[in-house]
Amino acid sequence: MINSAYKGFSLPALRSLGDLADQAPVVIIDSREQAPLQFTHLSARVATLPSGDYSVAGLEELFAVERKSIPDLVSCCTGQNRERFERELHRLRGFRFKRLLVVGSEAEILQARYHSDIAPKAVLATLWAFEIRYDLPVVFSPTPQSAAIQVERWIFYFTREIVLYANNLCRSSKNNLPEN
């Protein structure tokens, strides 16, 4: 059932799809995620994802959010961690929806609030290069709670667009059927 946070939204596209009318998307949390976000508006379950840390049940090959804390992000900017992280980002290129969600702020990076010798400008330059190289929007979210809400919003609206697309496809197919 749709949680109260989403009850106010009108989803007429779902009405014509019967069973989907009262359903809400389910967040998939990667089983390797060590400190998962806590979701309050959508239900969630743990599973192994091919890429990313968060996805949507049934759409795991289309939707992926890779989450990093500031310390994790900084550690992914140098050496072997960078190579591994770039392989992860490369895998995300094929997803219809993909985001790098950084829990923290640019200000934290600029103030070097992390344990590493890498310069803040180098961290940000790496981040901007990854954004262009991997066609991967980078979004900062100040807290884990706000990050969880952002993931839920993305999932809700992404799945809504998928349903609208399916509805339009069904309508156009019905209109193009030959009469008997």
C-alpha atoms as a PDB file:
ATOM      1  CA  MET A   1       0.000   0.000   0.000  1.00  0.00           C
ATOM      2  CA  ILE A   2       1.097   3.574  -0.595  1.00  0.00           C
ATOM      3  CA  ASN A   3       2.484   5.177   2.547  1.00  0.00           C
ATOM      4  CA  SER A   4       0.750   8.316   3.822  1.00  0.00           C
ATOM      5  CA  ALA A   5       3.506  10.549   2.433  1.00  0.00           C
ATOM      6  CA  TYR A   6       2.409   9.646  -1.097  1.00  0.00           C
ATOM      7  CA  LYS A   7      -1.379   9.386  -0.587  1.00  0.00           C
ATOM      8  CA  GLY A   8      -1.843  12.990  -1.708  1.00  0.00           C
ATOM      9  CA  PHE A   9      -0.407  12.265  -5.130  1.00  0.00           C
ATOM     10  CA  SER A  10      -2.867  11.512  -7.882  1.00  0.00           C
ATOM     11  CA  LEU A  11      -1.804   8.633 -10.059  1.00  0.00           C
ATOM     12  CA  PRO A  12      -4.571   8.293 -12.657  1.00  0.00           C
ATOM     13  CA  ALA A  13      -2.236   6.313 -14.879  1.00  0.00           C
ATOM     14  CA  LEU A  14      -2.327   3.504 -12.340  1.00  0.00           C
ATOM     15  CA  ARG A  15      -6.122   3.253 -12.239  1.00  0.00           C
ATOM     16  CA  SER A  16      -6.358   1.624 -15.652  1.00  0.00           C
ATOM     17  CA  LEU A  17      -3.723  -0.933 -14.724  1.00  0.00           C
ATOM     18  CA  GLY A  18      -5.887  -2.563 -12.061  1.00  0.00           C
ATOM     19  CA  ASP A  19      -3.708  -4.175  -9.417  1.00  0.00           C
ATOM     20  CA  LEU A  20      -1.085  -1.447  -9.659  1.00  0.00           C
ATOM     21  CA  ALA A  21      -3.479   1.263  -8.482  1.00  0.00           C
ATOM     22  CA  ASP A  22      -2.824   0.675  -4.785  1.00  0.00           C
ATOM     23  CA  GLN A  23       0.794  -0.421  -5.024  1.00  0.00           C
ATOM     24  CA  ALA A  24       3.932   1.515  -4.152  1.00  0.00           C
ATOM     25  CA  PRO A  25       7.444   0.839  -5.370  1.00  0.00           C
ATOM     26  CA  VAL A  26       9.805  -1.108  -3.124  1.00  0.00           C
ATOM     27  CA  VAL A  27      13.326   0.139  -2.450  1.00  0.00           C
ATOM     28  CA  ILE A  28      16.046  -2.445  -2.943  1.00  0.00           C
ATOM     29  CA  ILE A  29      19.082  -1.976  -0.711  1.00  0.00           C
ATOM     30  CA  ASP A  30      22.243  -3.709  -1.872  1.00  0.00           C
ATOM     31  CA  SER A  31      23.249  -6.509   0.495  1.00  0.00           C
ATOM     32  CA  ARG A  32      26.806  -5.133   0.599  1.00  0.00           C
ATOM     33  CA  GLU A  33      25.634  -1.735   1.896  1.00  0.00           C
ATOM     34  CA  GLN A  34      27.223  -1.444   5.345  1.00  0.00           C
ATOM     35  CA  ALA A  35      25.157   1.395   6.835  1.00  0.00           C
ATOM     36  CA  PRO A  36      21.950   1.521   4.783  1.00  0.00           C
ATOM     37  CA  LEU A  37      19.727   4.553   4.660  1.00  0.00           C
ATOM     38  CA  GLN A  38      16.505   4.256   6.668  1.00  0.00           C
ATOM     39  CA  PHE A  39      13.427   4.657   4.485  1.00  0.00           C
ATOM     40  CA  THR A  40      10.204   5.887   6.062  1.00  0.00           C
ATOM     41  CA  HIS A  41       7.838   6.432   3.129  1.00  0.00           C
ATOM     42  CA  LEU A  42       8.438   3.339   0.990  1.00  0.00           C
ATOM     43  CA  SER A  43       9.034  -0.222   2.067  1.00  0.00           C
ATOM     44  CA  ALA A  44      12.490  -1.667   1.496  1.00  0.00           C
ATOM     45  CA  ARG A  45      14.189  -5.024   1.270  1.00  0.00           C
ATOM     46  CA  VAL A  46      17.768  -6.210   0.985  1.00  0.00           C
ATOM     47  CA  ALA A  47      19.057  -7.985  -2.136  1.00  0.00           C
ATOM     48  CA  THR A  48      22.244  -8.134  -4.171  1.00  0.00           C
ATOM     49  CA  LEU A  49      22.261  -5.444  -6.845  1.00  0.00           C
ATOM     50  CA  PRO A  50      24.311  -5.619 -10.053  1.00  0.00           C
ATOM     51  CA  SER A  51      25.347  -1.962  -9.582  1.00  0.00           C
ATOM     52  CA  GLY A  52      24.730   0.807  -7.105  1.00  0.00           C
ATOM     53  CA  ASP A  53      23.544   0.772  -3.535  1.00  0.00           C
ATOM     54  CA  TYR A  54      19.819   1.436  -4.066  1.00  0.00           C
ATOM     55  CA  SER A  55      17.336   0.458  -6.743  1.00  0.00           C
ATOM     56  CA  VAL A  56      13.674  -0.421  -7.290  1.00  0.00           C
ATOM     57  CA  ALA A  57      12.175  -3.911  -7.164  1.00  0.00           C
ATOM     58  CA  GLY A  58      11.641  -5.061 -10.738  1.00  0.00           C
ATOM     59  CA  LEU A  59      13.694  -2.227 -12.222  1.00  0.00           C
ATOM     60  CA  GLU A  60      17.155  -3.177 -10.969  1.00  0.00           C
ATOM     61  CA  GLU A  61      18.633  -2.968 -14.474  1.00  0.00           C
ATOM     62  CA  LEU A  62      17.217   0.529 -15.093  1.00  0.00           C
ATOM     63  CA  PHE A  63      17.594   2.444 -11.812  1.00  0.00           C
ATOM     64  CA  ALA A  64      20.694   2.780  -9.616  1.00  0.00           C
ATOM     65  CA  VAL A  65      21.849   5.171  -6.929  1.00  0.00           C
ATOM     66  CA  GLU A  66      25.424   4.923  -5.709  1.00  0.00           C
ATOM     67  CA  ARG A  67      25.777   6.487  -2.262  1.00  0.00           C
ATOM     68  CA  LYS A  68      28.990   7.815  -0.740  1.00  0.00           C
ATOM     69  CA  SER A  69      29.779   9.575   2.496  1.00  0.00           C
ATOM     70  CA  ILE A  70      32.431  12.302   2.299  1.00  0.00           C
ATOM     71  CA  PRO A  71      35.158  10.014   3.736  1.00  0.00           C
ATOM     72  CA  ASP A  72      34.175   7.222   1.295  1.00  0.00           C
ATOM     73  CA  LEU A  73      34.168   9.647  -1.624  1.00  0.00           C
ATOM     74  CA  VAL A  74      37.584  11.036  -0.710  1.00  0.00           C
ATOM     75  CA  SER A  75      39.037   7.531  -0.439  1.00  0.00           C
ATOM     76  CA  CYS A  76      37.685   6.783  -3.942  1.00  0.00           C
ATOM     77  CA  CYS A  77      39.724   9.610  -5.443  1.00  0.00           C
ATOM     78  CA  THR A  78      43.158   7.992  -5.247  1.00  0.00           C
ATOM     79  CA  GLY A  79      45.003   4.769  -5.974  1.00  0.00           C
ATOM     80  CA  GLN A  80      43.358   1.371  -6.189  1.00  0.00           C
ATOM     81  CA  ASN A  81      40.135   2.635  -4.645  1.00  0.00           C
ATOM     82  CA  ARG A  82      39.811   5.063  -7.548  1.00  0.00           C
ATOM     83  CA  GLU A  83      40.262   2.262 -10.096  1.00  0.00           C
ATOM     84  CA  ARG A  84      37.629   0.126  -8.356  1.00  0.00           C
ATOM     85  CA  PHE A  85      35.234   3.062  -8.044  1.00  0.00           C
ATOM     86  CA  GLU A  86      35.652   3.975 -11.717  1.00  0.00           C
ATOM     87  CA  ARG A  87      34.754   0.401 -12.673  1.00  0.00           C
ATOM     88  CA  GLU A  88      31.563   0.787 -10.598  1.00  0.00           C
ATOM     89  CA  LEU A  89      30.762   4.098 -12.288  1.00  0.00           C
ATOM     90  CA  HIS A  90      31.413   2.594 -15.714  1.00  0.00           C
ATOM     91  CA  ARG A  91      28.811  -0.110 -15.010  1.00  0.00           C
ATOM     92  CA  LEU A  92      26.248   2.599 -14.203  1.00  0.00           C
ATOM     93  CA  ARG A  93      26.513   4.099 -17.710  1.00  0.00           C
ATOM     94  CA  GLY A  94      23.887   1.714 -19.089  1.00  0.00           C
ATOM     95  CA  PHE A  95      21.214   2.632 -16.542  1.00  0.00           C
ATOM     96  CA  ARG A  96      18.322   4.836 -17.549  1.00  0.00           C
ATOM     97  CA  PHE A  97      18.401   6.564 -14.157  1.00  0.00           C
ATOM     98  CA  LYS A  98      21.641   6.810 -12.235  1.00  0.00           C
ATOM     99  CA  ARG A  99      22.926   9.146  -9.560  1.00  0.00           C
ATOM    100  CA  LEU A 100      25.915   9.531  -7.315  1.00  0.00           C
ATOM    101  CA  LEU A 101      24.430  10.625  -3.996  1.00  0.00           C
ATOM    102  CA  VAL A 102      26.975  12.190  -1.656  1.00  0.00           C
ATOM    103  CA  VAL A 103      25.867  12.405   1.965  1.00  0.00           C
ATOM    104  CA  GLY A 104      27.483  15.626   3.078  1.00  0.00           C
ATOM    105  CA  SER A 105      28.208  18.942   1.436  1.00  0.00           C
ATOM    106  CA  GLU A 106      30.668  20.566  -0.915  1.00  0.00           C
ATOM    107  CA  ALA A 107      31.576  22.843   1.992  1.00  0.00           C
ATOM    108  CA  GLU A 108      32.753  19.807   3.986  1.00  0.00           C
ATOM    109  CA  ILE A 109      35.063  18.912   1.134  1.00  0.00           C
ATOM    110  CA  LEU A 110      36.316  22.491   0.705  1.00  0.00           C
ATOM    111  CA  GLN A 111      37.031  22.656   4.452  1.00  0.00           C
ATOM    112  CA  ALA A 112      38.885  19.313   4.209  1.00  0.00           C
ATOM    113  CA  ARG A 113      36.701  17.686   6.880  1.00  0.00           C
ATOM    114  CA  TYR A 114      38.137  14.252   6.106  1.00  0.00           C
ATOM    115  CA  HIS A 115      41.222  12.207   6.957  1.00  0.00           C
ATOM    116  CA  SER A 116      43.347  12.309   3.821  1.00  0.00           C
ATOM    117  CA  ASP A 117      46.154  14.329   2.330  1.00  0.00           C
ATOM    118  CA  ILE A 118      44.291  14.851  -0.940  1.00  0.00           C
ATOM    119  CA  ALA A 119      43.507  18.516  -1.569  1.00  0.00           C
ATOM    120  CA  PRO A 120      39.848  19.572  -1.547  1.00  0.00           C
ATOM    121  CA  LYS A 121      40.171  20.991  -5.065  1.00  0.00           C
ATOM    122  CA  ALA A 122      41.458  17.614  -6.278  1.00  0.00           C
ATOM    123  CA  VAL A 123      38.475  15.825  -4.721  1.00  0.00           C
ATOM    124  CA  LEU A 124      36.012  18.221  -6.376  1.00  0.00           C
ATOM    125  CA  ALA A 125      37.854  18.098  -9.716  1.00  0.00           C
ATOM    126  CA  THR A 126      37.694  14.289  -9.598  1.00  0.00           C
ATOM    127  CA  LEU A 127      33.992  14.442  -8.822  1.00  0.00           C
ATOM    128  CA  TRP A 128      33.294  16.838 -11.701  1.00  0.00           C
ATOM    129  CA  ALA A 129      35.365  14.705 -14.084  1.00  0.00           C
ATOM    130  CA  PHE A 130      33.413  11.590 -13.051  1.00  0.00           C
ATOM    131  CA  GLU A 131      30.148  13.469 -13.582  1.00  0.00           C
ATOM    132  CA  ILE A 132      31.112  14.224 -17.197  1.00  0.00           C
ATOM    133  CA  ARG A 133      33.011  11.016 -17.980  1.00  0.00           C
ATOM    134  CA  TYR A 134      30.268   8.697 -16.750  1.00  0.00           C
ATOM    135  CA  ASP A 135      27.228  10.892 -17.499  1.00  0.00           C
ATOM    136  CA  LEU A 136      26.436  10.622 -13.809  1.00  0.00           C
ATOM    137  CA  PRO A 137      24.725  13.495 -12.009  1.00  0.00           C
ATOM    138  CA  VAL A 138      26.199  14.132  -8.579  1.00  0.00           C
ATOM    139  CA  VAL A 139      23.779  15.212  -5.847  1.00  0.00           C
ATOM    140  CA  PHE A 140      24.776  16.343  -2.379  1.00  0.00           C
ATOM    141  CA  SER A 141      22.431  15.683   0.536  1.00  0.00           C
ATOM    142  CA  PRO A 142      23.347  17.062   3.961  1.00  0.00           C
ATOM    143  CA  THR A 143      22.150  14.156   6.140  1.00  0.00           C
ATOM    144  CA  PRO A 144      21.359  10.454   5.810  1.00  0.00           C
ATOM    145  CA  GLN A 145      17.699  11.279   6.525  1.00  0.00           C
ATOM    146  CA  SER A 146      17.493  13.798   3.684  1.00  0.00           C
ATOM    147  CA  ALA A 147      19.380  11.361   1.440  1.00  0.00           C
ATOM    148  CA  ALA A 148      16.793   8.652   2.167  1.00  0.00           C
ATOM    149  CA  ILE A 149      13.969  11.039   1.313  1.00  0.00           C
ATOM    150  CA  GLN A 150      15.718  11.974  -1.930  1.00  0.00           C
ATOM    151  CA  VAL A 151      16.097   8.308  -2.932  1.00  0.00           C
ATOM    152  CA  GLU A 152      12.399   7.718  -2.173  1.00  0.00           C
ATOM    153  CA  ARG A 153      11.415  10.709  -4.329  1.00  0.00           C
ATOM    154  CA  TRP A 154      13.532   9.534  -7.228  1.00  0.00           C
ATOM    155  CA  ILE A 155      12.078   6.027  -6.968  1.00  0.00           C
ATOM    156  CA  PHE A 156       8.499   7.235  -6.694  1.00  0.00           C
ATOM    157  CA  TYR A 157       8.699   9.550  -9.701  1.00  0.00           C
ATOM    158  CA  PHE A 158      10.789   7.152 -11.799  1.00  0.00           C
ATOM    159  CA  THR A 159       8.287   4.333 -11.316  1.00  0.00           C
ATOM    160  CA  ARG A 160       5.419   6.726 -11.965  1.00  0.00           C
ATOM    161  CA  GLU A 161       6.976   7.627 -15.332  1.00  0.00           C
ATOM    162  CA  ILE A 162       7.413   3.930 -16.167  1.00  0.00           C
ATOM    163  CA  VAL A 163       3.713   3.331 -15.460  1.00  0.00           C
ATOM    164  CA  LEU A 164       2.696   6.371 -17.535  1.00  0.00           C
ATOM    165  CA  TYR A 165       4.850   5.083 -20.385  1.00  0.00           C
ATOM    166  CA  ALA A 166       3.271   1.617 -20.108  1.00  0.00           C
ATOM    167  CA  ASN A 167      -0.200   3.164 -20.093  1.00  0.00           C
ATOM    168  CA  ASN A 168       0.568   5.179 -23.216  1.00  0.00           C
ATOM    169  CA  LEU A 169       1.965   2.095 -24.891  1.00  0.00           C
ATOM    170  CA  CYS A 170      -1.181   0.123 -24.033  1.00  0.00           C
ATOM    171  CA  ARG A 171      -3.397   2.936 -25.301  1.00  0.00           C
ATOM    172  CA  SER A 172      -1.523   3.272 -28.575  1.00  0.00           C
ATOM    173  CA  SER A 173      -1.541  -0.511 -29.079  1.00  0.00           C
ATOM    174  CA  LYS A 174      -5.288  -0.653 -28.410  1.00  0.00           C
ATOM    175  CA  ASN A 175      -5.888   2.172 -30.905  1.00  0.00           C
ATOM    176  CA  ASN A 176      -3.841   0.417 -33.583  1.00  0.00           C
ATOM    177  CA  LEU A 177      -5.504  -3.001 -33.325  1.00  0.00           C
ATOM    178  CA  PRO A 178      -7.350  -4.103 -36.475  1.00  0.00           C
ATOM    179  CA  GLU A 179     -11.108  -4.480 -36.047  1.00  0.00           C
ATOM    180  CA  ASN A 180     -12.522  -7.999 -36.489  1.00  0.00           C
END
